[in-house]
Amino acid sequence: MLDIQVFEVGHSYARNIGLHIPSEFKLFNIPAGALAALGGLSIQDLINQLVSSGGINQAGNEAIAALLAQLQSQQGSIFSQPVATFGGGITLMGLSLDQLRASLSLNESSVRTLDHITLRASQDKEATLKIGSRYPILNASFAPIFNSKAISQVLQNNSFTAPFPSINYEDLGLTVKAKPAIHGTSDITLQLELQFRTLGTASLNGVPVISNREYKGGIALKEGEPAVVAGMVTRDDQKSLSGLPAFSRIPGLRLLTAENSKQEEDSELLIVITPYVVRDRDRGETPEIWLGK
């Protein structure tokens, strides 16, 4: 009897603190027709001005609706941001400034899971345990390349059903294979094969990359003796600094001239196996065997 415990602990920490100072500026020429927009007039003020000047008729609802739709589409223009102007006439220039923004956020999460499984294995017989999921990977897809009258007909009436593609399922998660051998002194030898497979973040030609970690070996234990047969610790730290050159490197001015981001992810995996010998109650203890010299 194999008592298997799989401990998994995960912790993530993300922090973003600092002050975003405008670092990009756009210089552009302002035509005469855009002066009204720079005057700070609202949409209703512009419509009233056009109505009073005779530009549009108040009774023409369609014209007003078209003007509203056009103005609504221009709300994301460059004039919706802070603009500084200088010059005059045809040389009137505008300088668009980015918005000043302060950030202060903290996200932290932790996950703890325990899988407790009991397996029964025979002498010199391999027992297999799988924990995880099966991920489908597309091998091939099928589509008609020859256009016939029948194919054209089913395409026109939307009754065409594409053939089921060829898919191969890959096991993701933890796979444990144990082969026990019991000796006369109740010592137990386990031949172990551990495989830990996860779905990677990268892909090659549309096919995802699968991260794989494997262990293969043997271990000798007493009956009821727990042993850590596998342990894996993963740590990922990311730091980013975005701000003004030179000033963001000064420790005292870093919080006032830059945004600081920090992300930490920790994960631990621990596999503990405890073997037990199940005896036959009718036969009692294992009989002694005497060997001659």
Protein backbone atom coordinates (compact mmCIF):
# COMPACT_ATOMS: atom_id res chain seq x y z
CA MET A 1 0.00 0.00 0.00
CA LEU A 2 1.47 3.33 -1.11
CA ASP A 3 0.33 6.46 0.71
CA ILE A 4 1.13 9.43 -1.56
CA GLN A 5 0.83 13.07 -0.54
CA VAL A 6 1.41 15.91 -3.01
CA PHE A 7 1.86 19.35 -1.44
CA GLU A 8 1.78 22.45 -3.64
CA VAL A 9 2.19 26.02 -2.37
CA GLY A 10 2.04 29.08 -4.60
CA HIS A 11 2.44 32.76 -3.76
CA SER A 12 2.32 35.83 -6.01
CA TYR A 13 3.05 39.44 -5.12
CA ALA A 14 2.73 42.52 -7.35
CA ARG A 15 3.38 46.12 -6.35
CA ASN A 16 3.22 49.33 -8.37
CA ILE A 17 4.11 52.63 -6.71
CA GLY A 18 5.37 55.97 -7.99
CA LEU A 19 4.54 59.11 -9.93
CA HIS A 20 4.30 59.24 -13.71
CA ILE A 21 5.72 62.51 -15.05
CA PRO A 22 5.08 63.46 -18.70
CA SER A 23 8.01 62.29 -20.78
CA GLU A 24 6.60 62.61 -24.32
CA PHE A 25 5.62 65.87 -26.00
CA LYS A 26 3.96 66.42 -29.37
CA LEU A 27 4.45 69.68 -31.30
CA PHE A 28 1.95 70.47 -34.08
CA ASN A 29 0.54 73.40 -36.04
CA ILE A 30 -2.98 74.55 -35.19
CA PRO A 31 -5.09 75.65 -38.19
CA ALA A 32 -7.55 78.51 -37.88
CA GLY A 33 -10.54 76.17 -37.91
CA ALA A 34 -9.38 74.55 -34.69
CA LEU A 35 -9.36 77.75 -32.64
CA ALA A 36 -12.96 77.21 -31.53
CA ALA A 37 -12.01 73.83 -30.09
CA LEU A 38 -9.16 75.40 -28.17
CA GLY A 39 -11.53 77.96 -26.70
CA GLY A 40 -12.96 75.35 -24.35
CA LEU A 41 -16.46 75.34 -25.88
CA SER A 42 -18.68 72.40 -25.12
CA ILE A 43 -20.67 70.52 -27.75
CA GLN A 44 -23.87 72.31 -26.78
CA ASP A 45 -22.13 75.72 -26.95
CA LEU A 46 -20.87 74.95 -30.45
CA ILE A 47 -24.37 73.94 -31.61
CA ASN A 48 -25.89 77.11 -30.13
CA GLN A 49 -23.25 79.21 -31.83
CA LEU A 50 -23.91 77.56 -35.19
CA VAL A 51 -27.67 77.99 -34.79
CA SER A 52 -27.36 81.68 -33.89
CA SER A 53 -25.05 82.35 -36.84
CA GLY A 54 -27.34 80.55 -39.27
CA GLY A 55 -24.95 77.72 -39.94
CA ILE A 56 -27.59 75.14 -39.24
CA ASN A 57 -31.36 75.33 -38.86
CA GLN A 58 -32.73 74.45 -35.45
CA ALA A 59 -35.57 72.60 -37.13
CA GLY A 60 -33.18 70.37 -39.01
CA ASN A 61 -32.87 67.49 -36.56
CA GLU A 62 -30.94 65.36 -39.03
CA ALA A 63 -28.22 67.99 -39.41
CA ILE A 64 -27.88 68.38 -35.66
CA ALA A 65 -27.74 64.61 -35.18
CA ALA A 66 -25.02 64.32 -37.82
CA LEU A 67 -23.03 67.09 -36.13
CA LEU A 68 -23.35 65.41 -32.73
CA ALA A 69 -22.14 62.11 -34.16
CA GLN A 70 -19.17 63.82 -35.77
CA LEU A 71 -18.24 65.66 -32.58
CA GLN A 72 -18.62 62.52 -30.48
CA SER A 73 -16.14 60.73 -32.75
CA GLN A 74 -13.62 63.51 -32.16
CA GLN A 75 -13.67 63.28 -28.38
CA GLY A 76 -10.49 61.20 -28.44
CA SER A 77 -8.61 63.82 -30.46
CA ILE A 78 -5.42 65.49 -29.37
CA PHE A 79 -7.36 68.49 -28.05
CA SER A 80 -8.87 66.36 -25.28
CA GLN A 81 -5.43 66.38 -23.62
CA PRO A 82 -3.72 69.38 -22.00
CA VAL A 83 -2.37 71.66 -24.75
CA ALA A 84 -0.02 74.64 -24.45
CA THR A 85 -0.03 77.14 -27.34
CA PHE A 86 2.45 79.77 -28.52
CA GLY A 87 2.88 81.90 -31.62
CA GLY A 88 0.05 83.45 -33.64
CA GLY A 89 -1.68 83.39 -37.00
CA ILE A 90 -0.49 80.72 -39.36
CA THR A 91 2.44 80.06 -37.00
CA LEU A 92 0.18 79.20 -34.06
CA MET A 93 1.72 76.06 -32.56
CA GLY A 94 0.49 73.65 -29.94
CA LEU A 95 2.39 71.49 -27.49
CA SER A 96 0.54 68.43 -26.24
CA LEU A 97 1.42 67.34 -22.72
CA ASP A 98 0.94 63.89 -21.27
CA GLN A 99 -1.16 63.53 -18.15
CA LEU A 100 0.38 63.49 -14.69
CA ARG A 101 -0.52 60.22 -12.97
CA ALA A 102 0.18 58.74 -9.56
CA SER A 103 -0.04 54.99 -8.94
CA LEU A 104 -0.23 53.06 -5.71
CA SER A 105 -1.40 49.45 -5.94
CA LEU A 106 -0.67 46.13 -4.27
CA ASN A 107 -1.88 42.65 -5.29
CA GLU A 108 -1.03 39.54 -3.31
CA SER A 109 -2.42 36.00 -3.53
CA SER A 110 -1.51 32.59 -2.18
CA VAL A 111 -2.62 29.05 -3.04
CA ARG A 112 -2.15 25.87 -1.01
CA THR A 113 -3.29 22.49 -2.26
CA LEU A 114 -2.93 18.94 -0.95
CA ASP A 115 -3.61 15.75 -2.88
CA HIS A 116 -3.75 12.64 -0.69
CA ILE A 117 -3.93 9.38 -2.64
CA THR A 118 -3.64 5.75 -1.58
CA LEU A 119 -2.47 3.19 -4.14
CA ARG A 120 -2.31 -0.54 -3.85
CA ALA A 121 0.45 -2.27 -5.79
CA SER A 122 1.53 -5.89 -6.05
CA GLN A 123 5.01 -7.32 -5.79
CA ASP A 124 7.07 -6.24 -8.81
CA LYS A 125 3.99 -4.74 -10.44
CA GLU A 126 4.00 -1.14 -11.61
CA ALA A 127 1.33 1.25 -10.26
CA THR A 128 0.59 4.51 -12.07
CA LEU A 129 -0.92 7.72 -10.69
CA LYS A 130 -1.88 10.69 -12.89
CA ILE A 131 -3.01 14.09 -11.57
CA GLY A 132 -3.80 16.86 -14.02
CA SER A 133 -5.59 17.31 -17.32
CA ARG A 134 -5.36 16.23 -20.95
CA TYR A 135 -4.65 19.06 -23.36
CA PRO A 136 -5.72 18.69 -27.02
CA ILE A 137 -3.12 19.49 -29.69
CA LEU A 138 -4.27 19.82 -33.30
CA ASN A 139 -2.39 17.54 -35.69
CA ALA A 140 -4.30 18.10 -38.94
CA SER A 141 -7.50 19.63 -40.24
CA PHE A 142 -9.53 18.75 -43.33
CA ALA A 143 -11.22 21.00 -45.90
CA PRO A 144 -12.56 20.38 -49.43
CA ILE A 145 -10.18 21.56 -52.16
CA PHE A 146 -12.24 20.36 -55.14
CA ASN A 147 -15.40 22.35 -55.77
CA SER A 148 -18.23 20.27 -57.13
CA LYS A 149 -21.94 20.88 -57.57
CA ALA A 150 -22.80 19.01 -54.39
CA ILE A 151 -20.21 20.95 -52.33
CA SER A 152 -21.45 24.26 -53.74
CA GLN A 153 -25.01 23.35 -52.81
CA VAL A 154 -24.21 22.52 -49.17
CA LEU A 155 -22.12 25.67 -48.87
CA GLN A 156 -24.96 27.83 -50.14
CA ASN A 157 -27.61 26.40 -47.82
CA ASN A 158 -25.22 26.43 -44.81
CA SER A 159 -25.53 22.69 -44.26
CA PHE A 160 -21.83 21.92 -44.73
CA THR A 161 -20.23 20.23 -41.74
CA ALA A 162 -16.46 20.33 -41.54
CA PRO A 163 -14.75 16.99 -40.85
CA PHE A 164 -13.54 16.43 -37.30
CA PRO A 165 -9.83 17.35 -37.13
CA SER A 166 -7.06 15.04 -35.98
CA ILE A 167 -6.20 15.76 -32.33
CA ASN A 168 -3.60 14.30 -30.02
CA TYR A 169 -4.14 14.61 -26.27
CA GLU A 170 -1.12 15.28 -24.08
CA ASP A 171 -1.13 14.55 -20.35
CA LEU A 172 -0.40 17.68 -18.31
CA GLY A 173 0.28 17.59 -14.59
CA LEU A 174 1.94 14.99 -12.41
CA THR A 175 2.52 11.34 -13.33
CA VAL A 176 3.92 8.92 -10.73
CA LYS A 177 4.94 5.35 -11.54
CA ALA A 178 6.01 3.12 -8.65
CA LYS A 179 7.18 -0.50 -8.74
CA PRO A 180 7.57 -1.99 -5.24
CA ALA A 181 9.72 -4.96 -4.22
CA ILE A 182 9.21 -6.34 -0.68
CA HIS A 183 12.07 -8.13 1.06
CA GLY A 184 11.90 -10.65 3.90
CA THR A 185 12.84 -8.05 6.52
CA SER A 186 9.87 -5.83 5.50
CA ASP A 187 12.22 -3.51 3.69
CA ILE A 188 10.68 -2.07 0.55
CA THR A 189 12.48 -0.99 -2.58
CA LEU A 190 10.62 1.39 -4.86
CA GLN A 191 11.53 2.00 -8.48
CA LEU A 192 10.09 5.43 -9.19
CA GLU A 193 9.41 7.45 -12.31
CA LEU A 194 8.10 11.00 -11.80
CA GLN A 195 7.04 13.29 -14.61
CA PHE A 196 5.78 16.85 -14.23
CA ARG A 197 4.51 18.50 -17.42
CA THR A 198 2.99 21.97 -17.78
CA LEU A 199 1.83 24.11 -20.68
CA GLY A 200 4.47 26.71 -21.56
CA THR A 201 3.84 30.30 -22.53
CA ALA A 202 5.58 30.02 -25.92
CA SER A 203 4.41 28.26 -29.07
CA LEU A 204 6.07 27.03 -32.27
CA ASN A 205 4.05 27.29 -35.50
CA GLY A 206 0.87 27.51 -33.48
CA VAL A 207 1.73 24.40 -31.44
CA PRO A 208 2.21 25.09 -27.70
CA VAL A 209 5.51 24.24 -26.03
CA ILE A 210 5.18 21.81 -23.10
CA SER A 211 7.59 22.17 -20.19
CA ASN A 212 8.77 18.82 -18.90
CA ARG A 213 10.59 17.73 -15.72
CA GLU A 214 11.35 14.06 -15.06
CA TYR A 215 12.94 11.96 -12.35
CA LYS A 216 13.80 8.26 -12.49
CA GLY A 217 15.47 6.30 -9.72
CA GLY A 218 15.11 3.88 -6.83
CA ILE A 219 14.76 4.24 -3.08
CA ALA A 220 14.82 1.74 -0.18
CA LEU A 221 12.51 2.34 2.81
CA LYS A 222 11.33 0.67 5.97
CA GLU A 223 7.65 -0.14 6.31
CA GLY A 224 5.76 3.00 7.37
CA GLU A 225 8.76 5.25 6.76
CA PRO A 226 7.81 8.43 4.84
CA ALA A 227 10.24 9.82 2.33
CA VAL A 228 10.35 12.96 0.24
CA VAL A 229 11.00 11.55 -3.21
CA ALA A 230 10.74 14.82 -5.15
CA GLY A 231 10.79 18.51 -4.39
CA MET A 232 10.77 21.49 -6.73
CA VAL A 233 11.03 25.17 -5.90
CA THR A 234 10.42 27.83 -8.57
CA ARG A 235 11.01 31.53 -7.96
CA ASP A 236 10.47 34.36 -10.43
CA ASP A 237 11.29 38.03 -9.67
CA GLN A 238 10.60 40.93 -12.01
CA LYS A 239 11.40 44.59 -11.41
CA SER A 240 10.79 47.54 -13.71
CA LEU A 241 11.55 51.26 -13.45
CA SER A 242 9.98 53.88 -15.73
CA GLY A 243 10.68 57.58 -15.25
CA LEU A 244 12.89 60.52 -16.06
CA PRO A 245 16.53 59.85 -16.92
CA ALA A 246 19.07 60.45 -14.16
CA PHE A 247 16.45 61.67 -11.65
CA SER A 248 14.83 58.22 -11.35
CA ARG A 249 18.18 56.80 -10.18
CA ILE A 250 18.39 59.09 -7.16
CA PRO A 251 17.04 57.23 -4.09
CA GLY A 252 15.32 60.28 -2.59
CA LEU A 253 13.62 61.37 -5.83
CA ARG A 254 12.76 57.92 -7.18
CA LEU A 255 9.20 57.90 -5.88
CA LEU A 256 8.54 61.40 -7.26
CA THR A 257 10.06 60.99 -10.71
CA ALA A 258 9.43 57.35 -11.67
CA GLU A 259 7.06 54.39 -11.45
CA ASN A 260 8.39 51.31 -9.70
CA SER A 261 6.87 47.89 -10.39
CA LYS A 262 7.77 44.66 -8.68
CA GLN A 263 6.40 41.15 -9.22
CA GLU A 264 7.30 38.00 -7.32
CA GLU A 265 6.02 34.47 -7.88
CA ASP A 266 6.99 31.52 -5.70
CA SER A 267 5.84 27.92 -6.07
CA GLU A 268 6.83 24.75 -4.25
CA LEU A 269 5.99 21.14 -5.03
CA LEU A 270 6.63 18.33 -2.56
CA ILE A 271 5.86 14.60 -3.04
CA VAL A 272 5.91 12.30 -0.01
CA ILE A 273 5.46 8.52 -0.31
CA THR A 274 4.94 6.17 2.63
CA PRO A 275 4.88 2.40 1.88
CA TYR A 276 2.99 -0.21 3.94
CA VAL A 277 3.02 -3.99 3.67
CA VAL A 278 -0.45 -5.56 3.55
CA ARG A 279 -0.29 -9.06 5.01
CA ASP A 280 -2.72 -11.96 4.46
CA ARG A 281 -4.66 -12.44 7.71
CA ASP A 282 -5.48 -16.09 6.97
CA ARG A 283 -1.86 -17.07 6.49
CA GLY A 284 -0.50 -14.85 9.26
CA GLU A 285 3.09 -13.69 9.13
CA THR A 286 5.43 -14.53 6.32
CA PRO A 287 6.87 -18.00 6.99
CA GLU A 288 10.56 -18.38 7.68
CA ILE A 289 12.73 -19.95 4.99
CA TRP A 290 15.83 -21.93 6.05
CA LEU A 291 18.63 -22.36 3.58
CA GLY A 292 21.32 -24.99 3.97
CA LYS A 293 25.01 -24.24 3.84
